[in-house]
C-alpha cells in the first residue's frame, strides 16, 4: 500500500468517525428533547424512538468501529478493483 493510499484510507476512516459522532450527538440531543416532551404526556412513549434509533446508532458504531468496519473496507476494495478492471 502506497503512502497516498494510506492517507486516503485514513481520511475515509476519519470521515466515517466524524459521521458517527455527529449521529450520536444528534441522537442524544433529540432524545433529551423527547424525554422532556414526554414529561408533559401522561403516557410513557419515549422508549420507542429511543429503542429504534438506538439500534441505528449501534449499527452505525459497528460499521465504523466494530468488525463491520473491516467487512465494509473489504467490500470497498473489492468494488474498487472491479470498477478499475472495467475501465
PDB file of N, CA and C in Angstrom:
ATOM      1  N   UNK A   1       0.859  -1.173   0.000  1.00  0.00           N
ATOM      2  CA  UNK A   1       0.000   0.000   0.000  1.00  0.00           C
ATOM      3  C   UNK A   1       0.902   1.233   0.000  1.00  0.00           C
ATOM      4  N   UNK A   2       0.639   2.132  -0.936  1.00  0.00           N
ATOM      5  CA  UNK A   2       1.449   3.338  -1.045  1.00  0.00           C
ATOM      6  C   UNK A   2       1.052   4.346   0.026  1.00  0.00           C
ATOM      7  N   UNK A   3       1.885   5.351   0.166  1.00  0.00           N
ATOM      8  CA  UNK A   3       1.608   6.401   1.148  1.00  0.00           C
ATOM      9  C   UNK A   3       0.319   7.145   0.803  1.00  0.00           C
ATOM     10  N   UNK A   4       0.072   7.388  -0.467  1.00  0.00           N
ATOM     11  CA  UNK A   4      -1.148   8.064  -0.910  1.00  0.00           C
ATOM     12  C   UNK A   4      -2.378   7.238  -0.555  1.00  0.00           C
ATOM     13  N   UNK A   5      -2.297   5.926  -0.747  1.00  0.00           N
ATOM     14  CA  UNK A   5      -3.420   5.052  -0.407  1.00  0.00           C
ATOM     15  C   UNK A   5      -3.660   5.048   1.107  1.00  0.00           C
ATOM     16  N   UNK A   6      -2.570   5.056   1.880  1.00  0.00           N
ATOM     17  CA  UNK A   6      -2.718   5.089   3.338  1.00  0.00           C
ATOM     18  C   UNK A   6      -3.398   6.373   3.786  1.00  0.00           C
ATOM     19  N   UNK A   7      -3.006   7.486   3.183  1.00  0.00           N
ATOM     20  CA  UNK A   7      -3.617   8.772   3.537  1.00  0.00           C
ATOM     21  C   UNK A   7      -5.090   8.785   3.155  1.00  0.00           C
ATOM     22  N   UNK A   8      -5.416   8.298   1.967  1.00  0.00           N
ATOM     23  CA  UNK A   8      -6.818   8.252   1.526  1.00  0.00           C
ATOM     24  C   UNK A   8      -7.640   7.365   2.452  1.00  0.00           C
ATOM     25  N   UNK A   9      -7.079   6.246   2.848  1.00  0.00           N
ATOM     26  CA  UNK A   9      -7.792   5.332   3.753  1.00  0.00           C
ATOM     27  C   UNK A   9      -8.011   5.986   5.115  1.00  0.00           C
ATOM     28  N   UNK A  10      -6.988   6.683   5.615  1.00  0.00           N
ATOM     29  CA  UNK A  10      -7.116   7.374   6.901  1.00  0.00           C
ATOM     30  C   UNK A  10      -8.167   8.478   6.819  1.00  0.00           C
ATOM     31  N   UNK A  11      -8.196   9.201   5.695  1.00  0.00           N
ATOM     32  CA  UNK A  11      -9.201  10.252   5.524  1.00  0.00           C
ATOM     33  C   UNK A  11     -10.614   9.676   5.530  1.00  0.00           C
ATOM     34  N   UNK A  12     -10.810   8.551   4.856  1.00  0.00           N
ATOM     35  CA  UNK A  12     -12.138   7.906   4.855  1.00  0.00           C
ATOM     36  C   UNK A  12     -12.527   7.460   6.260  1.00  0.00           C
ATOM     37  N   UNK A  13     -11.561   6.941   7.004  1.00  0.00           N
ATOM     38  CA  UNK A  13     -11.832   6.485   8.373  1.00  0.00           C
ATOM     39  C   UNK A  13     -12.232   7.671   9.255  1.00  0.00           C
ATOM     40  N   UNK A  14     -11.509   8.777   9.131  1.00  0.00           N
ATOM     41  CA  UNK A  14     -11.829   9.969   9.926  1.00  0.00           C
ATOM     42  C   UNK A  14     -13.203  10.506   9.544  1.00  0.00           C
ATOM     43  N   UNK A  15     -13.545  10.497   8.264  1.00  0.00           N
ATOM     44  CA  UNK A  15     -14.871  10.942   7.834  1.00  0.00           C
ATOM     45  C   UNK A  15     -15.959  10.038   8.412  1.00  0.00           C
ATOM     46  N   UNK A  16     -15.711   8.739   8.417  1.00  0.00           N
ATOM     47  CA  UNK A  16     -16.685   7.800   8.979  1.00  0.00           C
ATOM     48  C   UNK A  16     -16.851   8.026  10.479  1.00  0.00           C
ATOM     49  N   UNK A  17     -15.735   8.248  11.169  1.00  0.00           N
ATOM     50  CA  UNK A  17     -15.802   8.502  12.612  1.00  0.00           C
ATOM     51  C   UNK A  17     -16.551   9.797  12.902  1.00  0.00           C
ATOM     52  N   UNK A  18     -16.268  10.836  12.117  1.00  0.00           N
ATOM     53  CA  UNK A  18     -16.949  12.114  12.289  1.00  0.00           C
ATOM     54  C   UNK A  18     -18.449  11.946  12.065  1.00  0.00           C
ATOM     55  N   UNK A  19     -18.822  11.209  11.035  1.00  0.00           N
ATOM     56  CA  UNK A  19     -20.238  10.949  10.780  1.00  0.00           C
ATOM     57  C   UNK A  19     -20.910  10.243  11.945  1.00  0.00           C
ATOM     58  N   UNK A  20     -20.204   9.278  12.543  1.00  0.00           N
ATOM     59  CA  UNK A  20     -20.771   8.575  13.693  1.00  0.00           C
ATOM     60  C   UNK A  20     -20.967   9.526  14.873  1.00  0.00           C
ATOM     61  N   UNK A  21     -19.956  10.351  15.164  1.00  0.00           N
ATOM     62  CA  UNK A  21     -20.063  11.253  16.312  1.00  0.00           C
ATOM     63  C   UNK A  21     -21.177  12.287  16.105  1.00  0.00           C
ATOM     64  N   UNK A  22     -21.380  12.747  14.880  1.00  0.00           N
ATOM     65  CA  UNK A  22     -22.491  13.658  14.600  1.00  0.00           C
ATOM     66  C   UNK A  22     -23.816  12.932  14.824  1.00  0.00           C
ATOM     67  N   UNK A  23     -23.903  11.688  14.358  1.00  0.00           N
ATOM     68  CA  UNK A  23     -25.109  10.878  14.544  1.00  0.00           C
ATOM     69  C   UNK A  23     -25.389  10.693  16.039  1.00  0.00           C
ATOM     70  N   UNK A  24     -24.356  10.363  16.809  1.00  0.00           N
ATOM     71  CA  UNK A  24     -24.508  10.141  18.247  1.00  0.00           C
ATOM     72  C   UNK A  24     -24.943  11.421  18.966  1.00  0.00           C
ATOM     73  N   UNK A  25     -24.335  12.553  18.616  1.00  0.00           N
ATOM     74  CA  UNK A  25     -24.699  13.823  19.255  1.00  0.00           C
ATOM     75  C   UNK A  25     -26.142  14.207  18.921  1.00  0.00           C
ATOM     76  N   UNK A  26     -26.540  14.010  17.678  1.00  0.00           N
ATOM     77  CA  UNK A  26     -27.915  14.302  17.272  1.00  0.00           C
ATOM     78  C   UNK A  26     -28.892  13.412  18.031  1.00  0.00           C
ATOM     79  N   UNK A  27     -28.558  12.130  18.132  1.00  0.00           N
ATOM     80  CA  UNK A  27     -29.379  11.183  18.883  1.00  0.00           C
ATOM     81  C   UNK A  27     -29.545  11.652  20.328  1.00  0.00           C
ATOM     82  N   UNK A  28     -28.439  12.016  20.969  1.00  0.00           N
ATOM     83  CA  UNK A  28     -28.502  12.466  22.357  1.00  0.00           C
ATOM     84  C   UNK A  28     -29.355  13.709  22.534  1.00  0.00           C
ATOM     85  N   UNK A  29     -29.170  14.694  21.655  1.00  0.00           N
ATOM     86  CA  UNK A  29     -29.921  15.943  21.760  1.00  0.00           C
ATOM     87  C   UNK A  29     -31.417  15.718  21.535  1.00  0.00           C
ATOM     88  N   UNK A  30     -31.749  14.944  20.524  1.00  0.00           N
ATOM     89  CA  UNK A  30     -33.166  14.688  20.230  1.00  0.00           C
ATOM     90  C   UNK A  30     -33.801  13.864  21.343  1.00  0.00           C
ATOM     91  N   UNK A  31     -33.090  12.897  21.868  1.00  0.00           N
ATOM     92  CA  UNK A  31     -33.657  12.078  22.948  1.00  0.00           C
ATOM     93  C   UNK A  31     -33.898  12.915  24.204  1.00  0.00           C
ATOM     94  N   UNK A  32     -32.986  13.843  24.499  1.00  0.00           N
ATOM     95  CA  UNK A  32     -33.223  14.734  25.645  1.00  0.00           C
ATOM     96  C   UNK A  32     -34.481  15.572  25.428  1.00  0.00           C
ATOM     97  N   UNK A  33     -34.648  16.075  24.222  1.00  0.00           N
ATOM     98  CA  UNK A  33     -35.846  16.841  23.890  1.00  0.00           C
ATOM     99  C   UNK A  33     -37.102  15.983  24.023  1.00  0.00           C
ATOM    100  N   UNK A  34     -37.036  14.757  23.513  1.00  0.00           N
ATOM    101  CA  UNK A  34     -38.213  13.878  23.583  1.00  0.00           C
ATOM    102  C   UNK A  34     -38.540  13.467  25.017  1.00  0.00           C
ATOM    103  N   UNK A  35     -37.514  13.234  25.832  1.00  0.00           N
ATOM    104  CA  UNK A  35     -37.776  12.909  27.249  1.00  0.00           C
ATOM    105  C   UNK A  35     -38.456  14.097  27.914  1.00  0.00           C
ATOM    106  N   UNK A  36     -37.976  15.300  27.619  1.00  0.00           N
ATOM    107  CA  UNK A  36     -38.616  16.495  28.176  1.00  0.00           C
ATOM    108  C   UNK A  36     -40.062  16.617  27.739  1.00  0.00           C
ATOM    109  N   UNK A  37     -40.313  16.363  26.459  1.00  0.00           N
ATOM    110  CA  UNK A  37     -41.688  16.407  25.963  1.00  0.00           C
ATOM    111  C   UNK A  37     -42.549  15.302  26.575  1.00  0.00           C
ATOM    112  N   UNK A  38     -41.945  14.169  26.821  1.00  0.00           N
ATOM    113  CA  UNK A  38     -42.709  13.037  27.355  1.00  0.00           C
ATOM    114  C   UNK A  38     -43.208  13.308  28.772  1.00  0.00           C
ATOM    115  N   UNK A  39     -42.527  14.191  29.510  1.00  0.00           N
ATOM    116  CA  UNK A  39     -42.983  14.521  30.860  1.00  0.00           C
ATOM    117  C   UNK A  39     -44.296  15.295  30.848  1.00  0.00           C
ATOM    118  N   UNK A  40     -44.649  15.882  29.713  1.00  0.00           N
ATOM    119  CA  UNK A  40     -45.919  16.613  29.617  1.00  0.00           C
ATOM    120  C   UNK A  40     -47.073  15.701  29.219  1.00  0.00           C
ATOM    121  N   UNK A  41     -46.768  14.454  28.913  1.00  0.00           N
ATOM    122  CA  UNK A  41     -47.777  13.496  28.436  1.00  0.00           C
ATOM    123  C   UNK A  41     -47.985  12.435  29.520  1.00  0.00           C
ATOM    124  N   UNK A  42     -49.220  12.067  29.818  1.00  0.00           N
ATOM    125  CA  UNK A  42     -49.446  11.048  30.849  1.00  0.00           C
ATOM    126  C   UNK A  42     -48.985   9.649  30.431  1.00  0.00           C
ATOM    127  N   UNK A  43     -48.816   9.410  29.146  1.00  0.00           N
ATOM    128  CA  UNK A  43     -48.379   8.095  28.665  1.00  0.00           C
ATOM    129  C   UNK A  43     -46.881   8.116  28.375  1.00  0.00           C
ATOM    130  N   UNK A  44     -46.197   7.064  28.787  1.00  0.00           N
ATOM    131  CA  UNK A  44     -44.757   6.981  28.570  1.00  0.00           C
ATOM    132  C   UNK A  44     -44.507   6.333  27.211  1.00  0.00           C
ATOM    133  N   UNK A  45     -44.023   7.107  26.244  1.00  0.00           N
ATOM    134  CA  UNK A  45     -43.828   6.627  24.876  1.00  0.00           C
ATOM    135  C   UNK A  45     -42.398   6.791  24.368  1.00  0.00           C
ATOM    136  N   UNK A  46     -41.567   7.498  25.091  1.00  0.00           N
ATOM    137  CA  UNK A  46     -40.237   7.867  24.583  1.00  0.00           C
ATOM    138  C   UNK A  46     -39.312   6.664  24.393  1.00  0.00           C
ATOM    139  N   UNK A  47     -39.617   5.554  25.018  1.00  0.00           N
ATOM    140  CA  UNK A  47     -38.748   4.382  24.877  1.00  0.00           C
ATOM    141  C   UNK A  47     -38.753   3.836  23.448  1.00  0.00           C
ATOM    142  N   UNK A  48     -39.846   4.050  22.715  1.00  0.00           N
ATOM    143  CA  UNK A  48     -39.930   3.502  21.356  1.00  0.00           C
ATOM    144  C   UNK A  48     -38.994   4.201  20.375  1.00  0.00           C
ATOM    145  N   UNK A  49     -38.991   5.534  20.303  1.00  0.00           N
ATOM    146  CA  UNK A  49     -37.992   6.160  19.424  1.00  0.00           C
ATOM    147  C   UNK A  49     -36.570   5.933  19.929  1.00  0.00           C
ATOM    148  N   UNK A  50     -36.409   5.877  21.256  1.00  0.00           N
ATOM    149  CA  UNK A  50     -35.084   5.620  21.809  1.00  0.00           C
ATOM    150  C   UNK A  50     -34.573   4.247  21.368  1.00  0.00           C
ATOM    151  N   UNK A  51     -35.425   3.236  21.471  1.00  0.00           N
ATOM    152  CA  UNK A  51     -35.013   1.877  21.095  1.00  0.00           C
ATOM    153  C   UNK A  51     -34.746   1.781  19.594  1.00  0.00           C
ATOM    154  N   UNK A  52     -35.639   2.323  18.786  1.00  0.00           N
ATOM    155  CA  UNK A  52     -35.464   2.234  17.334  1.00  0.00           C
ATOM    156  C   UNK A  52     -34.231   2.960  16.847  1.00  0.00           C
ATOM    157  N   UNK A  53     -34.089   4.208  17.254  1.00  0.00           N
ATOM    158  CA  UNK A  53     -32.943   4.990  16.820  1.00  0.00           C
ATOM    159  C   UNK A  53     -31.664   4.475  17.479  1.00  0.00           C
ATOM    160  N   UNK A  54     -31.798   3.974  18.707  1.00  0.00           N
ATOM    161  CA  UNK A  54     -30.635   3.395  19.396  1.00  0.00           C
ATOM    162  C   UNK A  54     -30.061   2.211  18.643  1.00  0.00           C
ATOM    163  N   UNK A  55     -30.915   1.400  18.050  1.00  0.00           N
ATOM    164  CA  UNK A  55     -30.448   0.287  17.221  1.00  0.00           C
ATOM    165  C   UNK A  55     -29.675   0.833  16.023  1.00  0.00           C
ATOM    166  N   UNK A  56     -30.181   1.911  15.434  1.00  0.00           N
ATOM    167  CA  UNK A  56     -29.485   2.536  14.312  1.00  0.00           C
ATOM    168  C   UNK A  56     -28.116   3.081  14.715  1.00  0.00           C
ATOM    169  N   UNK A  57     -28.029   3.709  15.874  1.00  0.00           N
ATOM    170  CA  UNK A  57     -26.744   4.232  16.357  1.00  0.00           C
ATOM    171  C   UNK A  57     -25.781   3.077  16.637  1.00  0.00           C
ATOM    172  N   UNK A  58     -26.286   2.004  17.216  1.00  0.00           N
ATOM    173  CA  UNK A  58     -25.435   0.838  17.492  1.00  0.00           C
ATOM    174  C   UNK A  58     -24.917   0.223  16.192  1.00  0.00           C
ATOM    175  N   UNK A  59     -25.773   0.137  15.194  1.00  0.00           N
ATOM    176  CA  UNK A  59     -25.346  -0.400  13.900  1.00  0.00           C
ATOM    177  C   UNK A  59     -24.311   0.516  13.247  1.00  0.00           C
ATOM    178  N   UNK A  60     -24.492   1.818  13.390  1.00  0.00           N
ATOM    179  CA  UNK A  60     -23.526   2.770  12.849  1.00  0.00           C
ATOM    180  C   UNK A  60     -22.185   2.606  13.560  1.00  0.00           C
ATOM    181  N   UNK A  61     -22.206   2.450  14.887  1.00  0.00           N
ATOM    182  CA  UNK A  61     -20.970   2.223  15.638  1.00  0.00           C
ATOM    183  C   UNK A  61     -20.273   0.961  15.121  1.00  0.00           C
ATOM    184  N   UNK A  62     -21.037  -0.099  14.937  1.00  0.00           N
ATOM    185  CA  UNK A  62     -20.479  -1.368  14.467  1.00  0.00           C
ATOM    186  C   UNK A  62     -19.844  -1.213  13.097  1.00  0.00           C
ATOM    187  N   UNK A  63     -20.487  -0.435  12.235  1.00  0.00           N
ATOM    188  CA  UNK A  63     -19.957  -0.224  10.883  1.00  0.00           C
ATOM    189  C   UNK A  63     -18.671   0.602  10.897  1.00  0.00           C
ATOM    190  N   UNK A  64     -18.529   1.500  11.875  1.00  0.00           N
ATOM    191  CA  UNK A  64     -17.357   2.368  11.914  1.00  0.00           C
ATOM    192  C   UNK A  64     -16.234   1.778  12.766  1.00  0.00           C
ATOM    193  N   UNK A  65     -16.562   1.229  13.922  1.00  0.00           N
ATOM    194  CA  UNK A  65     -15.536   0.802  14.876  1.00  0.00           C
ATOM    195  C   UNK A  65     -15.458  -0.705  15.085  1.00  0.00           C
ATOM    196  N   UNK A  66     -16.518  -1.413  14.787  1.00  0.00           N
ATOM    197  CA  UNK A  66     -16.554  -2.850  15.056  1.00  0.00           C
ATOM    198  C   UNK A  66     -16.051  -3.670  13.889  1.00  0.00           C
ATOM    199  N   UNK A  67     -16.371  -4.928  13.903  1.00  0.00           N
ATOM    200  CA  UNK A  67     -15.972  -5.845  12.834  1.00  0.00           C
ATOM    201  C   UNK A  67     -16.603  -5.453  11.503  1.00  0.00           C
ATOM    202  N   UNK A  68     -17.721  -4.756  11.557  1.00  0.00           N
ATOM    203  CA  UNK A  68     -18.378  -4.284  10.351  1.00  0.00           C
ATOM    204  C   UNK A  68     -17.487  -3.361   9.537  1.00  0.00           C
ATOM    205  N   UNK A  69     -16.601  -2.630  10.212  1.00  0.00           N
ATOM    206  CA  UNK A  69     -15.678  -1.730   9.512  1.00  0.00           C
ATOM    207  C   UNK A  69     -14.743  -2.528   8.615  1.00  0.00           C
ATOM    208  N   UNK A  70     -14.259  -3.650   9.105  1.00  0.00           N
ATOM    209  CA  UNK A  70     -13.368  -4.497   8.300  1.00  0.00           C
ATOM    210  C   UNK A  70     -14.117  -5.055   7.088  1.00  0.00           C
ATOM    211  N   UNK A  71     -15.336  -5.510   7.307  1.00  0.00           N
ATOM    212  CA  UNK A  71     -16.128  -6.060   6.206  1.00  0.00           C
ATOM    213  C   UNK A  71     -16.424  -4.981   5.167  1.00  0.00           C
ATOM    214  N   UNK A  72     -16.727  -3.774   5.635  1.00  0.00           N
ATOM    215  CA  UNK A  72     -17.009  -2.672   4.729  1.00  0.00           C
ATOM    216  C   UNK A  72     -15.768  -2.310   3.918  1.00  0.00           C
ATOM    217  N   UNK A  73     -14.607  -2.293   4.558  1.00  0.00           N
ATOM    218  CA  UNK A  73     -13.367  -1.975   3.841  1.00  0.00           C
ATOM    219  C   UNK A  73     -13.056  -3.030   2.793  1.00  0.00           C
ATOM    220  N   UNK A  74     -13.249  -4.298   3.132  1.00  0.00           N
ATOM    221  CA  UNK A  74     -13.011  -5.360   2.152  1.00  0.00           C
ATOM    222  C   UNK A  74     -13.949  -5.222   0.965  1.00  0.00           C
ATOM    223  N   UNK A  75     -15.212  -4.914   1.238  1.00  0.00           N
ATOM    224  CA  UNK A  75     -16.185  -4.740   0.162  1.00  0.00           C
ATOM    225  C   UNK A  75     -15.801  -3.555  -0.715  1.00  0.00           C
ATOM    226  N   UNK A  76     -15.393  -2.444  -0.092  1.00  0.00           N
ATOM    227  CA  UNK A  76     -14.996  -1.261  -0.853  1.00  0.00           C
ATOM    228  C   UNK A  76     -13.799  -1.567  -1.752  1.00  0.00           C
ATOM    229  N   UNK A  77     -12.789  -2.229  -1.214  1.00  0.00           N
ATOM    230  CA  UNK A  77     -11.618  -2.574  -2.025  1.00  0.00           C
ATOM    231  C   UNK A  77     -11.994  -3.486  -3.183  1.00  0.00           C
ATOM    232  N   UNK A  78     -12.860  -4.446  -2.916  1.00  0.00           N
ATOM    233  CA  UNK A  78     -13.314  -5.356  -3.970  1.00  0.00           C
ATOM    234  C   UNK A  78     -14.007  -4.583  -5.085  1.00  0.00           C
ATOM    235  N   UNK A  79     -14.882  -3.652  -4.707  1.00  0.00           N
ATOM    236  CA  UNK A  79     -15.596  -2.861  -5.702  1.00  0.00           C
ATOM    237  C   UNK A  79     -14.651  -1.947  -6.471  1.00  0.00           C
ATOM    238  N   UNK A  80     -13.670  -1.370  -5.807  1.00  0.00           N
ATOM    239  CA  UNK A  80     -12.699  -0.515  -6.478  1.00  0.00           C
ATOM    240  C   UNK A  80     -11.960  -1.303  -7.536  1.00  0.00           C
ATOM    241  N   UNK A  81     -11.498  -2.499  -7.194  1.00  0.00           N
ATOM    242  CA  UNK A  81     -10.781  -3.329  -8.160  1.00  0.00           C
ATOM    243  C   UNK A  81     -11.683  -3.771  -9.308  1.00  0.00           C
ATOM    244  N   UNK A  82     -12.945  -4.086  -8.996  1.00  0.00           N
ATOM    245  CA  UNK A  82     -13.891  -4.463 -10.051  1.00  0.00           C
ATOM    246  C   UNK A  82     -14.130  -3.316 -11.027  1.00  0.00           C
ATOM    247  N   UNK A  83     -14.379  -2.132 -10.478  1.00  0.00           N
ATOM    248  CA  UNK A  83     -14.635  -0.972 -11.338  1.00  0.00           C
ATOM    249  C   UNK A  83     -13.390  -0.581 -12.128  1.00  0.00           C
ATOM    250  N   UNK A  84     -12.240  -0.690 -11.496  1.00  0.00           N
ATOM    251  CA  UNK A  84     -10.988  -0.335 -12.159  1.00  0.00           C
ATOM    252  C   UNK A  84     -10.712  -1.281 -13.331  1.00  0.00           C
ATOM    253  N   UNK A  85     -11.047  -2.536 -13.172  1.00  0.00           N
ATOM    254  CA  UNK A  85     -10.784  -3.509 -14.237  1.00  0.00           C
ATOM    255  C   UNK A  85     -11.718  -3.317 -15.440  1.00  0.00           C
ATOM    256  N   UNK A  86     -12.875  -2.661 -15.236  1.00  0.00           N
ATOM    257  CA  UNK A  86     -13.824  -2.429 -16.320  1.00  0.00           C
ATOM    258  C   UNK A  86     -13.584  -1.111 -17.038  1.00  0.00           C
ATOM    259  N   UNK A  87     -12.659  -0.330 -16.583  1.00  0.00           N
ATOM    260  CA  UNK A  87     -12.403   0.974 -17.208  1.00  0.00           C
ATOM    261  C   UNK A  87     -11.293   0.882 -18.223  1.00  0.00           C
TER     262      UNK A  87
END
